C-alpha atoms as a PDB file:
ATOM      1  CA  MET A   1    -199.758 137.888 -33.020  1.00  0.00           C
ATOM      2  CA  ASN A   2    -201.314 139.072 -36.780  1.00  0.00           C
ATOM      3  CA  TRP A   3    -199.323 142.140 -37.622  1.00  0.00           C
ATOM      4  CA  ALA A   4    -201.322 143.476 -40.793  1.00  0.00           C
ATOM      5  CA  HIS A   5    -204.689 143.573 -38.421  1.00  0.00           C
ATOM      6  CA  THR A   6    -203.085 144.524 -35.348  1.00  0.00           C
ATOM      7  CA  LEU A   7    -200.468 147.104 -36.113  1.00  0.00           C
ATOM      8  CA  PRO A   8    -202.975 149.484 -38.276  1.00  0.00           C
ATOM      9  CA  ALA A   9    -205.299 149.257 -35.263  1.00  0.00           C
ATOM     10  CA  VAL A  10    -202.410 150.122 -32.589  1.00  0.00           C
ATOM     11  CA  SER A  11    -201.691 153.154 -35.143  1.00  0.00           C
ATOM     12  CA  ALA A  12    -205.026 153.953 -35.832  1.00  0.00           C
ATOM     13  CA  ALA A  13    -205.986 154.358 -32.244  1.00  0.00           C
ATOM     14  CA  PHE A  14    -202.789 155.928 -31.453  1.00  0.00           C
ATOM     15  CA  LEU A  15    -203.037 158.683 -33.624  1.00  0.00           C
ATOM     16  CA  GLY A  16    -206.741 159.200 -33.184  1.00  0.00           C
ATOM     17  CA  SER A  17    -206.954 159.196 -29.455  1.00  0.00           C
ATOM     18  CA  PHE A  18    -203.706 161.427 -29.633  1.00  0.00           C
ATOM     19  CA  VAL A  19    -205.610 164.437 -30.885  1.00  0.00           C
ATOM     20  CA  GLU A  20    -208.915 164.080 -28.814  1.00  0.00           C
ATOM     21  CA  VAL A  21    -206.237 163.613 -25.496  1.00  0.00           C
ATOM     22  CA  VAL A  22    -204.365 166.917 -26.684  1.00  0.00           C
ATOM     23  CA  GLU A  23    -207.771 168.672 -26.973  1.00  0.00           C
ATOM     24  CA  ALA A  24    -209.089 167.629 -23.702  1.00  0.00           C
ATOM     25  CA  PHE A  25    -205.790 168.365 -21.768  1.00  0.00           C
ATOM     26  CA  THR A  26    -205.865 171.870 -23.563  1.00  0.00           C
ATOM     27  CA  ILE A  27    -209.299 172.648 -21.930  1.00  0.00           C
ATOM     28  CA  VAL A  28    -208.163 170.679 -18.247  1.00  0.00           C
ATOM     29  CA  LEU A  29    -204.883 172.695 -18.139  1.00  0.00           C
ATOM     30  CA  ALA A  30    -206.970 176.141 -18.632  1.00  0.00           C
ATOM     31  CA  VAL A  31    -209.244 175.188 -15.576  1.00  0.00           C
ATOM     32  CA  GLY A  32    -206.300 174.226 -13.622  1.00  0.00           C
ATOM     33  CA  THR A  33    -204.802 177.607 -14.753  1.00  0.00           C
ATOM     34  CA  VAL A  34    -207.560 179.792 -14.040  1.00  0.00           C
ATOM     35  CA  GLN A  35    -209.292 178.310 -11.042  1.00  0.00           C
ATOM     36  CA  GLY A  36    -206.773 175.844  -9.529  1.00  0.00           C
ATOM     37  CA  TRP A  37    -205.921 172.129 -10.078  1.00  0.00           C
ATOM     38  CA  ARG A  38    -208.442 170.528  -7.219  1.00  0.00           C
ATOM     39  CA  PRO A  39    -211.762 171.318  -9.600  1.00  0.00           C
ATOM     40  CA  ALA A  40    -209.550 170.694 -12.621  1.00  0.00           C
ATOM     41  CA  LEU A  41    -208.724 167.157 -11.538  1.00  0.00           C
ATOM     42  CA  LEU A  42    -211.918 166.298 -10.112  1.00  0.00           C
ATOM     43  CA  GLY A  43    -213.892 167.263 -13.219  1.00  0.00           C
ATOM     44  CA  ALA A  44    -211.149 165.461 -15.268  1.00  0.00           C
ATOM     45  CA  ALA A  45    -211.527 161.641 -12.859  1.00  0.00           C
ATOM     46  CA  ALA A  46    -215.264 162.105 -13.010  1.00  0.00           C
ATOM     47  CA  GLY A  47    -215.122 162.320 -16.857  1.00  0.00           C
ATOM     48  CA  LEU A  48    -212.335 159.435 -16.812  1.00  0.00           C
ATOM     49  CA  GLY A  49    -214.795 156.818 -14.381  1.00  0.00           C
ATOM     50  CA  LEU A  50    -217.875 157.517 -16.380  1.00  0.00           C
ATOM     51  CA  LEU A  51    -215.798 156.562 -19.609  1.00  0.00           C
ATOM     52  CA  ALA A  52    -214.911 153.978 -17.419  1.00  0.00           C
ATOM     53  CA  GLY A  53    -218.187 153.102 -17.062  1.00  0.00           C
ATOM     54  CA  LEU A  54    -219.378 153.034 -20.730  1.00  0.00           C
ATOM     55  CA  VAL A  55    -216.331 150.880 -21.377  1.00  0.00           C
ATOM     56  CA  ALA A  56    -216.981 148.254 -19.114  1.00  0.00           C
ATOM     57  CA  VAL A  57    -220.950 148.332 -20.088  1.00  0.00           C
ATOM     58  CA  LEU A  58    -220.222 148.128 -24.109  1.00  0.00           C
ATOM     59  CA  GLY A  59    -217.144 146.132 -24.392  1.00  0.00           C
ATOM     60  CA  PRO A  60    -218.905 142.890 -23.427  1.00  0.00           C
ATOM     61  CA  LEU A  61    -221.715 143.823 -25.489  1.00  0.00           C
ATOM     62  CA  PHE A  62    -220.111 143.494 -29.024  1.00  0.00           C
ATOM     63  CA  GLY A  63    -219.136 139.900 -28.206  1.00  0.00           C
ATOM     64  CA  LEU A  64    -222.658 139.194 -28.163  1.00  0.00           C
ATOM     65  CA  VAL A  65    -223.438 140.493 -31.978  1.00  0.00           C
ATOM     66  CA  PRO A  66    -222.685 138.026 -35.014  1.00  0.00           C
ATOM     67  CA  LEU A  67    -218.922 138.844 -36.387  1.00  0.00           C
ATOM     68  CA  HIS A  68    -220.371 140.012 -39.480  1.00  0.00           C
ATOM     69  CA  ALA A  69    -223.103 142.070 -38.153  1.00  0.00           C
ATOM     70  CA  LEU A  70    -220.526 143.803 -35.931  1.00  0.00           C
ATOM     71  CA  GLN A  71    -217.978 144.295 -38.892  1.00  0.00           C
ATOM     72  CA  LEU A  72    -220.841 145.910 -41.240  1.00  0.00           C
ATOM     73  CA  VAL A  73    -222.539 148.130 -38.727  1.00  0.00           C
ATOM     74  CA  VAL A  74    -218.869 148.802 -37.193  1.00  0.00           C
ATOM     75  CA  GLY A  75    -217.386 149.309 -40.304  1.00  0.00           C
ATOM     76  CA  ALA A  76    -220.161 151.667 -41.878  1.00  0.00           C
ATOM     77  CA  LEU A  77    -219.881 153.953 -38.441  1.00  0.00           C
ATOM     78  CA  LEU A  78    -216.052 153.949 -39.198  1.00  0.00           C
ATOM     79  CA  LEU A  79    -216.399 155.153 -42.629  1.00  0.00           C
ATOM     80  CA  LEU A  80    -218.870 158.009 -41.663  1.00  0.00           C
ATOM     81  CA  PHE A  81    -216.746 158.967 -38.713  1.00  0.00           C
ATOM     82  CA  GLY A  82    -213.486 158.476 -40.740  1.00  0.00           C
ATOM     83  CA  MET A  83    -215.221 160.805 -43.473  1.00  0.00           C
ATOM     84  CA  ARG A  84    -215.932 163.443 -41.493  1.00  0.00           C
ATOM     85  CA  TRP A  85    -212.523 164.160 -40.132  1.00  0.00           C
ATOM     86  CA  LEU A  86    -210.745 163.560 -43.785  1.00  0.00           C
ATOM     87  CA  ARG A  87    -213.549 166.146 -45.047  1.00  0.00           C
ATOM     88  CA  LYS A  88    -212.586 168.843 -41.886  1.00  0.00           C
ATOM     89  CA  ALA A  89    -208.695 167.884 -42.800  1.00  0.00           C
ATOM     90  CA  ILE A  90    -208.986 168.236 -46.417  1.00  0.00           C
ATOM     91  CA  LEU A  91    -210.996 171.592 -46.140  1.00  0.00           C
ATOM     92  CA  ARG A  92    -207.556 173.088 -43.434  1.00  0.00           C
ATOM     93  CA  SER A  93    -205.189 171.313 -45.799  1.00  0.00           C
ATOM     94  CA  ALA A  94    -206.914 173.775 -48.975  1.00  0.00           C
ATOM     95  CA  GLY A  95    -206.953 176.860 -46.766  1.00  0.00           C
ATOM     96  CA  ILE A  96    -211.235 176.946 -47.218  1.00  0.00           C
ATOM     97  CA  ILE A  97    -211.476 176.961 -43.179  1.00  0.00           C
ATOM     98  CA  GLY A  98    -208.918 177.176 -40.733  1.00  0.00           C
ATOM     99  CA  LEU A  99    -206.356 175.346 -39.002  1.00  0.00           C
ATOM    100  CA  HIS A 100    -206.939 174.369 -35.460  1.00  0.00           C
ATOM    101  CA  ASP A 101    -204.715 175.938 -32.641  1.00  0.00           C
ATOM    102  CA  GLU A 102    -204.347 174.942 -29.571  1.00  0.00           C
ATOM    103  CA  ALA A 103    -203.279 178.073 -28.093  1.00  0.00           C
ATOM    104  CA  LYS A 104    -205.901 180.144 -29.226  1.00  0.00           C
ATOM    105  CA  ALA A 105    -208.117 177.319 -27.980  1.00  0.00           C
ATOM    106  CA  PHE A 106    -206.499 177.207 -24.158  1.00  0.00           C
ATOM    107  CA  ASP A 107    -206.415 181.170 -24.498  1.00  0.00           C
ATOM    108  CA  ALA A 108    -210.353 181.545 -25.705  1.00  0.00           C
ATOM    109  CA  GLU A 109    -211.338 178.547 -22.621  1.00  0.00           C
ATOM    110  CA  THR A 110    -209.205 180.699 -20.127  1.00  0.00           C
ATOM    111  CA  ALA A 111    -210.981 183.530 -20.676  1.00  0.00           C
ATOM    112  CA  THR A 112    -214.105 181.985 -20.433  1.00  0.00           C
ATOM    113  CA  LEU A 113    -213.439 180.684 -17.426  1.00  0.00           C
ATOM    114  CA  GLN A 114    -212.012 184.107 -16.026  1.00  0.00           C
ATOM    115  CA  GLY A 115    -215.479 185.469 -16.763  1.00  0.00           C
ATOM    116  CA  GLU A 116    -217.410 182.887 -15.124  1.00  0.00           C
ATOM    117  CA  ARG A 117    -214.873 183.089 -12.303  1.00  0.00           C
ATOM    118  CA  THR A 118    -215.935 186.815 -12.111  1.00  0.00           C
ATOM    119  CA  ALA A 119    -219.258 186.779 -12.342  1.00  0.00           C
ATOM    120  CA  ARG A 120    -219.658 183.718 -10.414  1.00  0.00           C
ATOM    121  CA  ALA A 121    -217.254 183.899  -7.486  1.00  0.00           C
ATOM    122  CA  ALA A 122    -219.547 181.324  -5.267  1.00  0.00           C
ATOM    123  CA  ALA A 123    -220.294 178.816  -7.833  1.00  0.00           C
ATOM    124  CA  ALA A 124    -216.501 179.023  -9.737  1.00  0.00           C
ATOM    125  CA  ASP A 125    -215.268 175.918  -8.859  1.00  0.00           C
ATOM    126  CA  TRP A 126    -218.185 173.524  -9.916  1.00  0.00           C
ATOM    127  CA  LEU A 127    -218.357 175.280 -13.135  1.00  0.00           C
ATOM    128  CA  ALA A 128    -214.384 174.681 -13.482  1.00  0.00           C
ATOM    129  CA  MET A 129    -214.831 171.284 -12.676  1.00  0.00           C
ATOM    130  CA  ALA A 130    -218.042 170.910 -14.913  1.00  0.00           C
ATOM    131  CA  ALA A 131    -215.595 172.764 -18.128  1.00  0.00           C
ATOM    132  CA  ALA A 132    -212.768 169.773 -17.442  1.00  0.00           C
ATOM    133  CA  PHE A 133    -215.577 167.185 -17.218  1.00  0.00           C
ATOM    134  CA  LYS A 134    -217.392 167.761 -20.093  1.00  0.00           C
ATOM    135  CA  ALA A 135    -214.177 168.310 -22.374  1.00  0.00           C
ATOM    136  CA  VAL A 136    -212.876 164.512 -21.168  1.00  0.00           C
ATOM    137  CA  VAL A 137    -216.029 163.383 -21.832  1.00  0.00           C
ATOM    138  CA  LEU A 138    -216.557 164.490 -25.090  1.00  0.00           C
ATOM    139  CA  GLU A 139    -213.238 163.690 -26.450  1.00  0.00           C
ATOM    140  CA  GLY A 140    -213.251 160.727 -24.328  1.00  0.00           C
ATOM    141  CA  ILE A 141    -216.142 159.366 -25.797  1.00  0.00           C
ATOM    142  CA  GLU A 142    -214.523 159.336 -29.228  1.00  0.00           C
ATOM    143  CA  VAL A 143    -211.542 157.861 -28.018  1.00  0.00           C
ATOM    144  CA  VAL A 144    -213.593 154.803 -26.694  1.00  0.00           C
ATOM    145  CA  PHE A 145    -215.784 155.015 -30.279  1.00  0.00           C
ATOM    146  CA  ILE A 146    -212.057 154.863 -31.938  1.00  0.00           C
ATOM    147  CA  VAL A 147    -211.082 151.769 -30.089  1.00  0.00           C
ATOM    148  CA  LEU A 148    -214.079 149.984 -30.157  1.00  0.00           C
ATOM    149  CA  ALA A 149    -214.446 150.660 -34.045  1.00  0.00           C
ATOM    150  CA  VAL A 150    -210.723 149.491 -35.196  1.00  0.00           C
ATOM    151  CA  GLY A 151    -210.824 147.234 -32.513  1.00  0.00           C
ATOM    152  CA  ALA A 152    -213.819 145.124 -32.332  1.00  0.00           C
ATOM    153  CA  GLY A 153    -214.172 143.913 -35.919  1.00  0.00           C
ATOM    154  CA  ASN A 154    -211.290 141.951 -35.724  1.00  0.00           C
ATOM    155  CA  GLY A 155    -210.462 140.933 -32.092  1.00  0.00           C
ATOM    156  CA  GLN A 156    -208.014 143.472 -31.600  1.00  0.00           C
ATOM    157  CA  ILE A 157    -209.860 145.332 -28.611  1.00  0.00           C
ATOM    158  CA  VAL A 158    -206.575 145.132 -26.375  1.00  0.00           C
ATOM    159  CA  PRO A 159    -204.253 146.446 -28.704  1.00  0.00           C
ATOM    160  CA  ALA A 160    -206.575 149.010 -29.823  1.00  0.00           C
ATOM    161  CA  SER A 161    -206.746 149.984 -26.193  1.00  0.00           C
ATOM    162  CA  LEU A 162    -203.345 149.935 -25.708  1.00  0.00           C
ATOM    163  CA  GLY A 163    -202.731 152.178 -28.204  1.00  0.00           C
ATOM    164  CA  ALA A 164    -205.259 154.454 -27.060  1.00  0.00           C
ATOM    165  CA  LEU A 165    -203.285 154.274 -23.373  1.00  0.00           C
ATOM    166  CA  ALA A 166    -200.302 155.262 -24.692  1.00  0.00           C
ATOM    167  CA  ALA A 167    -201.109 158.327 -26.521  1.00  0.00           C
ATOM    168  CA  ALA A 168    -202.844 159.378 -23.601  1.00  0.00           C
ATOM    169  CA  GLY A 169    -199.687 158.662 -21.832  1.00  0.00           C
ATOM    170  CA  LEU A 170    -197.592 160.377 -23.766  1.00  0.00           C
ATOM    171  CA  VAL A 171    -199.890 163.443 -23.941  1.00  0.00           C
ATOM    172  CA  LEU A 172    -199.887 163.662 -20.372  1.00  0.00           C
ATOM    173  CA  ILE A 173    -196.151 163.506 -19.777  1.00  0.00           C
ATOM    174  CA  ILE A 174    -195.251 165.975 -22.223  1.00  0.00           C
ATOM    175  CA  GLY A 175    -198.267 168.489 -21.104  1.00  0.00           C
ATOM    176  CA  LEU A 176    -197.060 168.191 -17.430  1.00  0.00           C
ATOM    177  CA  ALA A 177    -193.577 168.667 -18.837  1.00  0.00           C
ATOM    178  CA  ILE A 178    -193.958 171.921 -20.408  1.00  0.00           C
ATOM    179  CA  HIS A 179    -197.058 172.558 -18.534  1.00  0.00           C
ATOM    180  CA  LYS A 180    -198.233 174.956 -21.546  1.00  0.00           C
ATOM    181  CA  PRO A 181    -200.404 173.383 -24.639  1.00  0.00           C
ATOM    182  CA  LEU A 182    -199.403 171.361 -27.095  1.00  0.00           C
ATOM    183  CA  ALA A 183    -199.738 173.923 -29.477  1.00  0.00           C
ATOM    184  CA  GLN A 184    -196.731 172.003 -31.985  1.00  0.00           C
ATOM    185  CA  VAL A 185    -198.945 169.074 -32.488  1.00  0.00           C
ATOM    186  CA  PRO A 186    -199.288 169.111 -35.983  1.00  0.00           C
ATOM    187  CA  GLU A 187    -202.933 168.164 -35.675  1.00  0.00           C
ATOM    188  CA  ASN A 188    -204.270 168.508 -39.182  1.00  0.00           C
ATOM    189  CA  ALA A 189    -202.102 166.422 -40.478  1.00  0.00           C
ATOM    190  CA  LEU A 190    -202.958 163.707 -37.690  1.00  0.00           C
ATOM    191  CA  LYS A 191    -206.685 164.411 -38.276  1.00  0.00           C
ATOM    192  CA  PHE A 192    -205.425 163.525 -42.260  1.00  0.00           C
ATOM    193  CA  VAL A 193    -204.031 160.376 -41.693  1.00  0.00           C
ATOM    194  CA  VAL A 194    -206.815 158.814 -38.978  1.00  0.00           C
ATOM    195  CA  GLY A 195    -209.189 160.056 -41.198  1.00  0.00           C
ATOM    196  CA  ILE A 196    -207.916 157.840 -44.164  1.00  0.00           C
ATOM    197  CA  MET A 197    -207.131 154.689 -41.991  1.00  0.00           C
ATOM    198  CA  LEU A 198    -210.693 155.181 -40.131  1.00  0.00           C
ATOM    199  CA  SER A 199    -211.835 155.171 -43.752  1.00  0.00           C
ATOM    200  CA  ALA A 200    -209.814 152.486 -45.403  1.00  0.00           C
ATOM    201  CA  PHE A 201    -210.853 150.471 -42.141  1.00  0.00           C
ATOM    202  CA  GLY A 202    -214.620 151.163 -42.325  1.00  0.00           C
ATOM    203  CA  THR A 203    -214.746 150.072 -45.960  1.00  0.00           C
ATOM    204  CA  PHE A 204    -212.741 147.099 -45.091  1.00  0.00           C
ATOM    205  CA  TRP A 205    -214.941 145.903 -43.062  1.00  0.00           C
ATOM    206  CA  VAL A 206    -218.262 146.904 -44.958  1.00  0.00           C
ATOM    207  CA  LEU A 207    -217.395 144.614 -47.224  1.00  0.00           C
ATOM    208  CA  GLU A 208    -216.230 141.921 -45.116  1.00  0.00           C
ATOM    209  CA  GLY A 209    -219.815 142.463 -42.932  1.00  0.00           C
ATOM    210  CA  LEU A 210    -221.561 141.804 -46.272  1.00  0.00           C
ATOM    211  CA  GLY A 211    -219.985 138.768 -46.744  1.00  0.00           C
ATOM    212  CA  GLY A 212    -217.643 140.159 -49.513  1.00  0.00           C
ATOM    213  CA  SER A 213    -213.900 139.425 -49.403  1.00  0.00           C
ATOM    214  CA  TRP A 214    -211.008 141.417 -50.153  1.00  0.00           C
ATOM    215  CA  PRO A 215    -208.242 140.497 -52.513  1.00  0.00           C
ATOM    216  CA  GLY A 216    -204.980 140.076 -50.943  1.00  0.00           C
ATOM    217  CA  ALA A 217    -207.001 139.962 -47.637  1.00  0.00           C
ATOM    218  CA  ASP A 218    -206.108 142.068 -45.040  1.00  0.00           C
ATOM    219  CA  ILE A 219    -203.276 143.776 -47.448  1.00  0.00           C
ATOM    220  CA  ALA A 220    -205.962 145.443 -49.218  1.00  0.00           C
ATOM    221  CA  ILE A 221    -206.565 147.987 -46.014  1.00  0.00           C
ATOM    222  CA  LEU A 222    -203.229 149.134 -47.273  1.00  0.00           C
ATOM    223  CA  ALA A 223    -204.314 149.583 -50.616  1.00  0.00           C
ATOM    224  CA  LEU A 224    -207.368 151.355 -49.283  1.00  0.00           C
ATOM    225  CA  ALA A 225    -205.358 153.546 -47.581  1.00  0.00           C
ATOM    226  CA  LEU A 226    -203.430 154.468 -50.381  1.00  0.00           C
ATOM    227  CA  GLY A 227    -206.513 155.094 -52.624  1.00  0.00           C
ATOM    228  CA  PHE A 228    -208.262 157.203 -49.975  1.00  0.00           C
ATOM    229  CA  ALA A 229    -205.004 159.283 -49.453  1.00  0.00           C
ATOM    230  CA  ALA A 230    -204.541 159.731 -53.535  1.00  0.00           C
ATOM    231  CA  VAL A 231    -208.372 161.389 -53.699  1.00  0.00           C
ATOM    232  CA  ALA A 232    -207.757 163.215 -50.871  1.00  0.00           C
ATOM    233  CA  TRP A 233    -204.757 164.748 -51.915  1.00  0.00           C
ATOM    234  CA  GLY A 234    -206.865 165.461 -55.337  1.00  0.00           C
ATOM    235  CA  ALA A 235    -209.356 167.220 -53.568  1.00  0.00           C
ATOM    236  CA  VAL A 236    -206.965 169.220 -51.620  1.00  0.00           C
ATOM    237  CA  ARG A 237    -205.336 170.300 -54.885  1.00  0.00           C
ATOM    238  CA  LEU A 238    -208.420 170.825 -56.900  1.00  0.00           C
ATOM    239  CA  LEU A 239    -210.411 173.254 -54.169  1.00  0.00           C
ATOM    240  CA  GLN A 240    -206.836 175.287 -53.556  1.00  0.00           C
ATOM    241  CA  ARG A 241    -206.928 175.562 -57.529  1.00  0.00           C
ATOM    242  CA  ARG A 242    -210.710 177.371 -57.528  1.00  0.00           C
ATOM    243  CA  ALA A 243    -209.577 179.208 -54.285  1.00  0.00           C
ATOM    244  CA  SER A 244    -206.568 180.610 -56.087  1.00  0.00           C
ATOM    245  CA  ALA A 245    -208.528 180.996 -59.462  1.00  0.00           C
ATOM    246  CA  SER A 246    -211.725 182.782 -57.632  1.00  0.00           C
ATOM    247  CA  THR A 247    -208.806 185.168 -56.165  1.00  0.00           C
ATOM    248  CA  GLU A 248    -207.508 186.067 -59.342  1.00  0.00           C
ATOM    249  CA  MET A 249    -210.939 186.419 -60.618  1.00  0.00           C
ATOM    250  CA  ARG A 250    -211.767 188.986 -57.812  1.00  0.00           C
ATOM    251  CA  ALA A 251    -208.174 190.903 -58.126  1.00  0.00           C
END
């Protein structure tokens, strides 16, 4: 087993999936708490079924695409996806936008569901089921993309899938044990790390997809990750100084 490829792929899939599963779990938990577990579990199961179908259809298609073309396309998408996560993490770390709070998300979803339950009692189960289905599908699609992206370019689909499954299993075990939103999960820190890893993978595969090669081969992924981390840290510090200077000027 090539650990230089496998460990980063598994880690990126695990951490990225963990964040997305936490968000989906929060909504499904809110649905189950307000409307009951039957519609919550039915909606979640339907969403998982749809995701399984997408994986079954998309997975074999990756094997039909030439490796360099696959690396180029997936690398570009992965880079854009990772930079989006990294941008939000930088802005949150700098205090420009607020941190994501699972407890607040749970309360907001609960209030919405309770209002719909009162206004549309007859259709409440269907609305609850739809909310759980939507949460699982929307967050799950991002998990599927992460798994395919970090695994398809170098034949690591199975390890990446195992990383995602491990993340989902861990969230479910913890969530069912405490029966409340996982508000203590350092989501922004996780998104910071995953954004760096996905951006590093994307950059690495874009060059390989173009027919180039990196000094040090797979070790270059680590160097790229350190580079993205340094730039991101510098951006956070710069934004914090600008925000501080702006506050002082207004004072």
